[in-house]
Amino acid sequence: MKDTVIIGIGNILLQDDGVGVHVIRQLENEKLPSTIELVDGGTSTLDTLGYFLDYKKVIVVDCLRAGLEPGTIYKIKPEDIKIYQKENLSTHDVQILDVVKMANLLDKYPEVIIFGIEPQTIAWNLTMTDFMTAKIPELISNIKKELLLDAEVAFSETYA
């Protein structure tokens, strides 16, 4: 049974905005535990609600604008965000945080981790900037560390 889903969000037509989708494509070539599902969420953020209802843990990878230097990688949880302003946090119409709130209204409370990266360029282009492409391995490393942390916790709980 899969208990963790990794969802890549983004518009691949808008250069660096597609980073979440590109990360999922890279992760498809990685050896991951069979309990992990990878999802290309594209720009249909609302369509991801089912994953928030069905999985214990949801990891979201997205382009986030929070005002720091391009390439800055964020690891946040929804509850870490004190003041949520759509126009400053994400480039998409329906926000992941809104989906989390919808899941909560349906009495589902998965652990949600958002790995975001500050974009360098968002413009009409199918190719991400070289700068952002070079940051994908670091994003994947952070995701793998999160998955390893989960495995260590599960192991310690089983053998405690």
C-alpha atoms as a PDB file:
ATOM      1  CA  MET A   1       0.000   0.000   0.000  1.00  0.00           C
ATOM      2  CA  LYS A   2       1.268   3.461  -0.885  1.00  0.00           C
ATOM      3  CA  ASP A   3       1.220   5.889   2.001  1.00  0.00           C
ATOM      4  CA  THR A   4       3.101   8.857   0.548  1.00  0.00           C
ATOM      5  CA  VAL A   5       2.418  10.825  -2.606  1.00  0.00           C
ATOM      6  CA  ILE A   6       4.768  13.348  -4.180  1.00  0.00           C
ATOM      7  CA  ILE A   7       2.917  15.851  -6.345  1.00  0.00           C
ATOM      8  CA  GLY A   8       4.730  18.138  -8.765  1.00  0.00           C
ATOM      9  CA  ILE A   9       2.819  21.315  -9.527  1.00  0.00           C
ATOM     10  CA  GLY A  10       3.549  23.766 -12.306  1.00  0.00           C
ATOM     11  CA  ASN A  11       3.004  25.015 -15.809  1.00  0.00           C
ATOM     12  CA  ILE A  12       5.700  23.683 -18.146  1.00  0.00           C
ATOM     13  CA  LEU A  13       4.754  26.383 -20.688  1.00  0.00           C
ATOM     14  CA  LEU A  14       5.988  29.090 -18.300  1.00  0.00           C
ATOM     15  CA  GLN A  15       9.669  28.256 -17.988  1.00  0.00           C
ATOM     16  CA  ASP A  16      10.675  27.935 -14.297  1.00  0.00           C
ATOM     17  CA  ASP A  17       7.064  27.651 -13.162  1.00  0.00           C
ATOM     18  CA  GLY A  18       7.132  24.035 -14.371  1.00  0.00           C
ATOM     19  CA  VAL A  19       9.820  22.972 -11.891  1.00  0.00           C
ATOM     20  CA  GLY A  20       7.489  20.731  -9.875  1.00  0.00           C
ATOM     21  CA  VAL A  21       6.565  18.713 -12.964  1.00  0.00           C
ATOM     22  CA  HIS A  22      10.216  18.470 -14.013  1.00  0.00           C
ATOM     23  CA  VAL A  23      11.162  17.181 -10.556  1.00  0.00           C
ATOM     24  CA  ILE A  24       8.519  14.423 -10.844  1.00  0.00           C
ATOM     25  CA  ARG A  25       9.932  13.434 -14.247  1.00  0.00           C
ATOM     26  CA  GLN A  26      13.393  13.145 -12.703  1.00  0.00           C
ATOM     27  CA  LEU A  27      12.082  11.195  -9.705  1.00  0.00           C
ATOM     28  CA  GLU A  28      10.512   8.671 -12.105  1.00  0.00           C
ATOM     29  CA  ASN A  29      14.094   7.625 -12.933  1.00  0.00           C
ATOM     30  CA  GLU A  30      15.077   7.237  -9.268  1.00  0.00           C
ATOM     31  CA  LYS A  31      14.827   4.132  -7.134  1.00  0.00           C
ATOM     32  CA  LEU A  32      12.144   4.951  -4.585  1.00  0.00           C
ATOM     33  CA  PRO A  33      10.308   2.771  -2.065  1.00  0.00           C
ATOM     34  CA  SER A  34       7.191   1.057  -3.414  1.00  0.00           C
ATOM     35  CA  THR A  35       5.117   3.009  -0.870  1.00  0.00           C
ATOM     36  CA  ILE A  36       5.667   6.243  -2.842  1.00  0.00           C
ATOM     37  CA  GLU A  37       3.418   7.460  -5.653  1.00  0.00           C
ATOM     38  CA  LEU A  38       4.567  10.175  -8.041  1.00  0.00           C
ATOM     39  CA  VAL A  39       1.997  12.535  -9.560  1.00  0.00           C
ATOM     40  CA  ASP A  40       2.325  15.179 -12.254  1.00  0.00           C
ATOM     41  CA  GLY A  41      -0.186  17.671 -10.880  1.00  0.00           C
ATOM     42  CA  GLY A  42       0.346  20.157 -13.699  1.00  0.00           C
ATOM     43  CA  THR A  43      -1.741  23.266 -13.172  1.00  0.00           C
ATOM     44  CA  SER A  44      -4.890  21.462 -12.043  1.00  0.00           C
ATOM     45  CA  THR A  45      -4.241  21.949  -8.358  1.00  0.00           C
ATOM     46  CA  LEU A  46      -7.851  21.312  -7.382  1.00  0.00           C
ATOM     47  CA  ASP A  47      -7.634  17.891  -9.046  1.00  0.00           C
ATOM     48  CA  THR A  48      -5.090  16.850  -6.410  1.00  0.00           C
ATOM     49  CA  LEU A  49      -7.678  16.880  -3.606  1.00  0.00           C
ATOM     50  CA  GLY A  50      -8.165  13.106  -3.816  1.00  0.00           C
ATOM     51  CA  TYR A  51      -4.525  12.530  -2.904  1.00  0.00           C
ATOM     52  CA  PHE A  52      -4.943  14.663   0.218  1.00  0.00           C
ATOM     53  CA  LEU A  53      -7.910  12.493   1.161  1.00  0.00           C
ATOM     54  CA  ASP A  54      -6.265   9.120   0.471  1.00  0.00           C
ATOM     55  CA  TYR A  55      -2.645   9.424   1.643  1.00  0.00           C
ATOM     56  CA  LYS A  56      -1.079   9.814   5.086  1.00  0.00           C
ATOM     57  CA  LYS A  57       1.636  12.085   3.729  1.00  0.00           C
ATOM     58  CA  VAL A  58       1.606  14.499   0.802  1.00  0.00           C
ATOM     59  CA  ILE A  59       4.808  16.092  -0.467  1.00  0.00           C
ATOM     60  CA  VAL A  60       4.234  18.952  -2.888  1.00  0.00           C
ATOM     61  CA  VAL A  61       6.936  20.358  -5.169  1.00  0.00           C
ATOM     62  CA  ASP A  62       6.173  23.770  -6.594  1.00  0.00           C
ATOM     63  CA  CYS A  63       7.564  27.082  -7.725  1.00  0.00           C
ATOM     64  CA  LEU A  64       7.021  29.516  -4.841  1.00  0.00           C
ATOM     65  CA  ARG A  65       7.472  33.248  -4.804  1.00  0.00           C
ATOM     66  CA  ALA A  66       8.231  34.355  -1.293  1.00  0.00           C
ATOM     67  CA  GLY A  67      10.614  37.192  -2.030  1.00  0.00           C
ATOM     68  CA  LEU A  68      14.015  35.588  -1.507  1.00  0.00           C
ATOM     69  CA  GLU A  69      16.782  35.053  -4.058  1.00  0.00           C
ATOM     70  CA  PRO A  70      16.008  32.898  -7.114  1.00  0.00           C
ATOM     71  CA  GLY A  71      16.913  29.281  -6.413  1.00  0.00           C
ATOM     72  CA  THR A  72      16.084  29.511  -2.707  1.00  0.00           C
ATOM     73  CA  ILE A  73      14.542  26.207  -1.643  1.00  0.00           C
ATOM     74  CA  TYR A  74      11.780  26.287   0.938  1.00  0.00           C
ATOM     75  CA  LYS A  75      10.541  23.424   3.088  1.00  0.00           C
ATOM     76  CA  ILE A  76       7.328  24.479   4.725  1.00  0.00           C
ATOM     77  CA  LYS A  77       4.213  23.030   6.253  1.00  0.00           C
ATOM     78  CA  PRO A  78       0.839  24.695   5.819  1.00  0.00           C
ATOM     79  CA  GLU A  79       0.677  25.516   9.532  1.00  0.00           C
ATOM     80  CA  ASP A  80       4.013  27.371   9.263  1.00  0.00           C
ATOM     81  CA  ILE A  81       2.429  30.048   7.146  1.00  0.00           C
ATOM     82  CA  LYS A  82       0.926  32.609   9.492  1.00  0.00           C
ATOM     83  CA  ILE A  83      -0.459  35.021   6.911  1.00  0.00           C
ATOM     84  CA  TYR A  84      -1.446  33.407   3.659  1.00  0.00           C
ATOM     85  CA  GLN A  85      -1.587  35.722   0.667  1.00  0.00           C
ATOM     86  CA  LYS A  86      -2.280  33.964  -2.642  1.00  0.00           C
ATOM     87  CA  GLU A  87      -0.644  36.562  -4.842  1.00  0.00           C
ATOM     88  CA  ASN A  88       2.637  36.374  -2.957  1.00  0.00           C
ATOM     89  CA  LEU A  89       2.954  32.645  -2.375  1.00  0.00           C
ATOM     90  CA  SER A  90       2.166  30.777  -5.562  1.00  0.00           C
ATOM     91  CA  THR A  91       1.734  31.306  -9.259  1.00  0.00           C
ATOM     92  CA  HIS A  92      -1.336  29.096  -9.623  1.00  0.00           C
ATOM     93  CA  ASP A  93      -5.062  29.861  -9.549  1.00  0.00           C
ATOM     94  CA  VAL A  94      -6.086  27.342  -6.904  1.00  0.00           C
ATOM     95  CA  GLN A  95      -3.515  27.060  -4.155  1.00  0.00           C
ATOM     96  CA  ILE A  96      -2.293  23.882  -2.506  1.00  0.00           C
ATOM     97  CA  LEU A  97      -3.059  25.482   0.840  1.00  0.00           C
ATOM     98  CA  ASP A  98      -6.676  25.824  -0.254  1.00  0.00           C
ATOM     99  CA  VAL A  99      -6.707  22.105  -1.110  1.00  0.00           C
ATOM    100  CA  VAL A 100      -5.329  21.313   2.355  1.00  0.00           C
ATOM    101  CA  LYS A 101      -8.149  23.357   3.887  1.00  0.00           C
ATOM    102  CA  MET A 102     -10.714  21.469   1.763  1.00  0.00           C
ATOM    103  CA  ALA A 103      -9.303  18.115   2.908  1.00  0.00           C
ATOM    104  CA  ASN A 104      -9.482  19.284   6.515  1.00  0.00           C
ATOM    105  CA  LEU A 105     -13.128  20.245   6.015  1.00  0.00           C
ATOM    106  CA  LEU A 106     -13.667  16.632   4.914  1.00  0.00           C
ATOM    107  CA  ASP A 107     -12.012  15.475   8.176  1.00  0.00           C
ATOM    108  CA  LYS A 108      -8.749  14.382   6.512  1.00  0.00           C
ATOM    109  CA  TYR A 109      -5.463  15.598   7.951  1.00  0.00           C
ATOM    110  CA  PRO A 110      -2.506  14.224   6.013  1.00  0.00           C
ATOM    111  CA  GLU A 111       0.973  15.415   6.877  1.00  0.00           C
ATOM    112  CA  VAL A 112       1.780  17.964   4.191  1.00  0.00           C
ATOM    113  CA  ILE A 113       5.285  19.105   3.300  1.00  0.00           C
ATOM    114  CA  ILE A 114       5.810  21.690   0.580  1.00  0.00           C
ATOM    115  CA  PHE A 115       9.163  21.917  -1.152  1.00  0.00           C
ATOM    116  CA  GLY A 116       9.190  25.136  -3.104  1.00  0.00           C
ATOM    117  CA  ILE A 117      11.812  26.962  -5.036  1.00  0.00           C
ATOM    118  CA  GLU A 118      12.012  30.641  -5.861  1.00  0.00           C
ATOM    119  CA  PRO A 119      11.915  30.955  -9.676  1.00  0.00           C
ATOM    120  CA  GLN A 120      14.415  32.881 -11.729  1.00  0.00           C
ATOM    121  CA  THR A 121      12.209  33.493 -14.784  1.00  0.00           C
ATOM    122  CA  ILE A 122       8.539  32.965 -15.504  1.00  0.00           C
ATOM    123  CA  ALA A 123       7.878  33.637 -19.175  1.00  0.00           C
ATOM    124  CA  TRP A 124       6.451  31.816 -22.185  1.00  0.00           C
ATOM    125  CA  ASN A 125       9.067  29.151 -22.837  1.00  0.00           C
ATOM    126  CA  LEU A 126       9.030  25.343 -22.758  1.00  0.00           C
ATOM    127  CA  THR A 127      12.562  25.184 -21.379  1.00  0.00           C
ATOM    128  CA  MET A 128      13.456  26.039 -17.794  1.00  0.00           C
ATOM    129  CA  THR A 129      16.412  28.321 -17.203  1.00  0.00           C
ATOM    130  CA  ASP A 130      19.759  26.565 -16.837  1.00  0.00           C
ATOM    131  CA  PHE A 131      19.926  28.013 -13.334  1.00  0.00           C
ATOM    132  CA  MET A 132      16.678  26.316 -12.275  1.00  0.00           C
ATOM    133  CA  THR A 133      17.518  23.069 -14.056  1.00  0.00           C
ATOM    134  CA  ALA A 134      20.756  22.949 -12.067  1.00  0.00           C
ATOM    135  CA  LYS A 135      18.752  23.233  -8.805  1.00  0.00           C
ATOM    136  CA  ILE A 136      16.653  20.087  -9.472  1.00  0.00           C
ATOM    137  CA  PRO A 137      19.232  17.660  -7.974  1.00  0.00           C
ATOM    138  CA  GLU A 138      19.243  19.702  -4.749  1.00  0.00           C
ATOM    139  CA  LEU A 139      15.438  19.613  -4.603  1.00  0.00           C
ATOM    140  CA  ILE A 140      15.479  15.849  -5.155  1.00  0.00           C
ATOM    141  CA  SER A 141      18.100  15.452  -2.442  1.00  0.00           C
ATOM    142  CA  ASN A 142      15.872  17.339  -0.007  1.00  0.00           C
ATOM    143  CA  ILE A 143      12.889  15.150  -0.923  1.00  0.00           C
ATOM    144  CA  LYS A 144      14.943  11.991  -0.435  1.00  0.00           C
ATOM    145  CA  LYS A 145      16.087  13.230   2.982  1.00  0.00           C
ATOM    146  CA  GLU A 146      12.429  13.718   3.922  1.00  0.00           C
ATOM    147  CA  LEU A 147      11.629  10.174   2.762  1.00  0.00           C
ATOM    148  CA  LEU A 148      14.615   8.791   4.662  1.00  0.00           C
ATOM    149  CA  LEU A 149      13.448  10.608   7.788  1.00  0.00           C
ATOM    150  CA  ASP A 150      10.053   8.893   7.377  1.00  0.00           C
ATOM    151  CA  ALA A 151      11.751   5.501   7.029  1.00  0.00           C
ATOM    152  CA  GLU A 152      13.856   6.096  10.152  1.00  0.00           C
ATOM    153  CA  VAL A 153      10.775   7.077  12.172  1.00  0.00           C
ATOM    154  CA  ALA A 154       8.862   4.008  10.974  1.00  0.00           C
ATOM    155  CA  PHE A 155      11.818   1.758  11.809  1.00  0.00           C
ATOM    156  CA  SER A 156      12.235   3.230  15.290  1.00  0.00           C
ATOM    157  CA  GLU A 157       8.492   2.925  15.987  1.00  0.00           C
ATOM    158  CA  THR A 158       8.490  -0.722  14.843  1.00  0.00           C
ATOM    159  CA  TYR A 159      11.469  -1.683  16.985  1.00  0.00           C
ATOM    160  CA  ALA A 160      10.931   0.568  19.992  1.00  0.00           C
END
